Amino acid sequence: MTLDELFDAARGAMAKSHSPYSKFPVGAAILTEDGSVFAGANMEVISFPEGWCAETSALAHYVMAGGGRITDICVTASRMDECTPCGGCRQRLAEFAPPDARIHLTDQAGITKTITMAELLPLGFETEVLSS
């Protein structure tokens, strides 16, 4: 899978967003080292701000399919260039993605910036601390 295809998967998911309250559709796509892609869109409910972020939806698909080593994550939003995951999603992604996983931020045409998970969440909670 190319990064352009990963962007297309995130854009395709964003098109399915249910965001009638914020009117801020977001899509995310997760790529694992075996080439599997898991996409998700944000889904709002009337008790706004309750709902699911796009990254959370993508992670749900990833977990339900059995996971795998995450190599790349693409996030896109129609109303904001280089939209990054929210704080909660940064920690959720860090739960499953290694520090060297690449996070790709976009504009409407494609990927514009790439950072690592470690750069996105430099001081996140580490699961090893809880198991020792």
Protein backbone atom coordinates (compact mmCIF):
# COMPACT_ATOMS: atom_id res chain seq x y z
CA MET A 1 0.00 0.00 0.00
CA THR A 2 1.27 3.46 -0.87
CA LEU A 3 0.86 6.50 1.34
CA ASP A 4 -1.46 7.98 -1.30
CA GLU A 5 -3.69 4.91 -0.89
CA LEU A 6 -3.59 5.29 2.89
CA PHE A 7 -4.67 8.93 2.47
CA ASP A 8 -7.47 7.75 0.16
CA ALA A 9 -8.62 5.28 2.83
CA ALA A 10 -8.73 8.06 5.43
CA ARG A 11 -10.62 10.34 3.00
CA GLY A 12 -13.05 7.55 2.19
CA ALA A 13 -13.71 7.01 5.89
CA MET A 14 -14.15 10.76 6.43
CA ALA A 15 -16.90 10.72 3.80
CA LYS A 16 -18.84 8.39 6.14
CA SER A 17 -18.47 10.67 9.17
CA HIS A 18 -21.58 11.30 11.24
CA SER A 19 -20.84 14.82 12.51
CA PRO A 20 -24.12 16.79 12.42
CA TYR A 21 -23.32 18.78 15.57
CA SER A 22 -19.71 19.87 15.12
CA LYS A 23 -19.86 19.75 11.31
CA PHE A 24 -16.20 18.69 11.54
CA PRO A 25 -15.77 15.40 9.66
CA VAL A 26 -12.56 13.49 10.30
CA GLY A 27 -11.18 10.27 8.85
CA ALA A 28 -8.31 8.07 9.96
CA ALA A 29 -6.60 5.04 8.48
CA ILE A 30 -4.18 2.69 10.23
CA LEU A 31 -1.68 0.58 8.28
CA THR A 32 -0.01 -2.51 9.75
CA GLU A 33 3.23 -4.08 8.59
CA ASP A 34 1.34 -6.91 6.86
CA GLY A 35 -0.44 -4.35 4.64
CA SER A 36 -3.80 -4.40 6.42
CA VAL A 37 -5.69 -1.11 6.60
CA PHE A 38 -8.25 -0.16 9.24
CA ALA A 39 -10.21 3.04 8.66
CA GLY A 40 -12.62 4.97 10.80
CA ALA A 41 -14.65 8.18 10.90
CA ASN A 42 -15.85 10.32 13.75
CA MET A 43 -19.38 9.59 14.92
CA GLU A 44 -21.30 12.06 17.03
CA VAL A 45 -24.50 11.55 19.00
CA ILE A 46 -27.05 14.03 20.29
CA SER A 47 -25.39 14.08 23.72
CA PHE A 48 -22.52 15.95 22.08
CA PRO A 49 -19.58 15.89 22.81
CA GLU A 50 -20.08 12.17 23.41
CA GLY A 51 -19.21 10.03 20.44
CA TRP A 52 -16.17 8.49 18.81
CA CYS A 53 -13.23 10.13 17.16
CA ALA A 54 -12.07 8.81 13.79
CA GLU A 55 -8.91 7.36 15.34
CA THR A 56 -10.98 5.52 17.96
CA SER A 57 -13.20 4.04 15.23
CA ALA A 58 -10.15 2.92 13.25
CA LEU A 59 -8.61 1.38 16.38
CA ALA A 60 -11.84 -0.52 17.05
CA HIS A 61 -11.65 -2.11 13.59
CA TYR A 62 -7.95 -2.83 14.14
CA VAL A 63 -8.52 -4.56 17.49
CA MET A 64 -11.53 -6.55 16.27
CA ALA A 65 -9.49 -7.83 13.31
CA GLY A 66 -6.71 -9.08 15.55
CA GLY A 67 -4.31 -6.14 15.40
CA GLY A 68 -0.74 -6.33 14.16
CA ARG A 69 2.26 -4.01 14.24
CA ILE A 70 1.15 -0.50 13.29
CA THR A 71 3.54 1.29 10.94
CA ASP A 72 1.54 4.28 9.69
CA ILE A 73 -1.51 6.32 10.66
CA CYS A 74 -3.12 8.93 8.42
CA VAL A 75 -5.53 11.54 9.78
CA THR A 76 -7.52 13.94 7.61
CA ALA A 77 -10.20 16.56 8.22
CA SER A 78 -12.16 18.50 5.63
CA ARG A 79 -12.14 21.76 7.58
CA MET A 80 -8.60 21.82 8.98
CA ASP A 81 -5.24 21.18 7.35
CA GLU A 82 -2.79 19.05 9.33
CA CYS A 83 -5.41 18.09 11.91
CA THR A 84 -3.74 16.05 14.64
CA PRO A 85 -5.41 13.47 16.87
CA CYS A 86 -6.97 14.89 20.06
CA GLY A 87 -5.26 14.23 23.40
CA GLY A 88 -7.37 11.17 24.20
CA CYS A 89 -6.72 9.64 20.80
CA ARG A 90 -3.01 10.29 21.10
CA GLN A 91 -2.98 8.11 24.21
CA ARG A 92 -5.25 5.49 22.58
CA LEU A 93 -2.96 5.32 19.54
CA ALA A 94 0.11 5.07 21.79
CA GLU A 95 -1.47 2.05 23.45
CA PHE A 96 -1.19 0.11 20.18
CA ALA A 97 1.35 1.93 17.98
CA PRO A 98 5.10 1.83 18.64
CA PRO A 99 7.00 5.10 19.16
CA ASP A 100 8.42 4.91 15.61
CA ALA A 101 5.00 4.59 13.92
CA ARG A 102 4.56 7.41 11.43
CA ILE A 103 1.63 9.82 11.78
CA HIS A 104 0.71 11.47 8.48
CA LEU A 105 -1.13 14.80 8.54
CA THR A 106 -2.87 16.13 5.46
CA ASP A 107 -4.51 18.93 3.58
CA GLN A 108 -7.26 18.32 1.02
CA ALA A 109 -4.80 17.11 -1.62
CA GLY A 110 -2.71 14.65 0.36
CA ILE A 111 -0.08 14.15 3.03
CA THR A 112 1.76 17.34 3.97
CA LYS A 113 3.62 16.42 7.16
CA THR A 114 4.86 13.25 8.83
CA ILE A 115 5.85 12.87 12.47
CA THR A 116 6.37 9.86 14.70
CA MET A 117 4.14 8.62 17.48
CA ALA A 118 6.90 9.63 19.93
CA GLU A 119 6.82 13.19 18.57
CA LEU A 120 3.01 13.31 18.74
CA LEU A 121 2.90 12.12 22.36
CA PRO A 122 6.35 12.51 23.91
CA LEU A 123 5.33 11.98 27.55
CA GLY A 124 2.38 9.59 27.26
CA PHE A 125 1.59 6.91 29.79
CA GLU A 126 3.51 3.70 29.15
CA THR A 127 1.81 0.37 29.73
CA GLU A 128 5.05 -1.18 31.02
CA VAL A 129 4.81 1.02 34.14
CA LEU A 130 1.50 -0.57 35.10
CA SER A 131 2.72 -4.14 34.65
CA SER A 132 5.89 -3.87 36.73
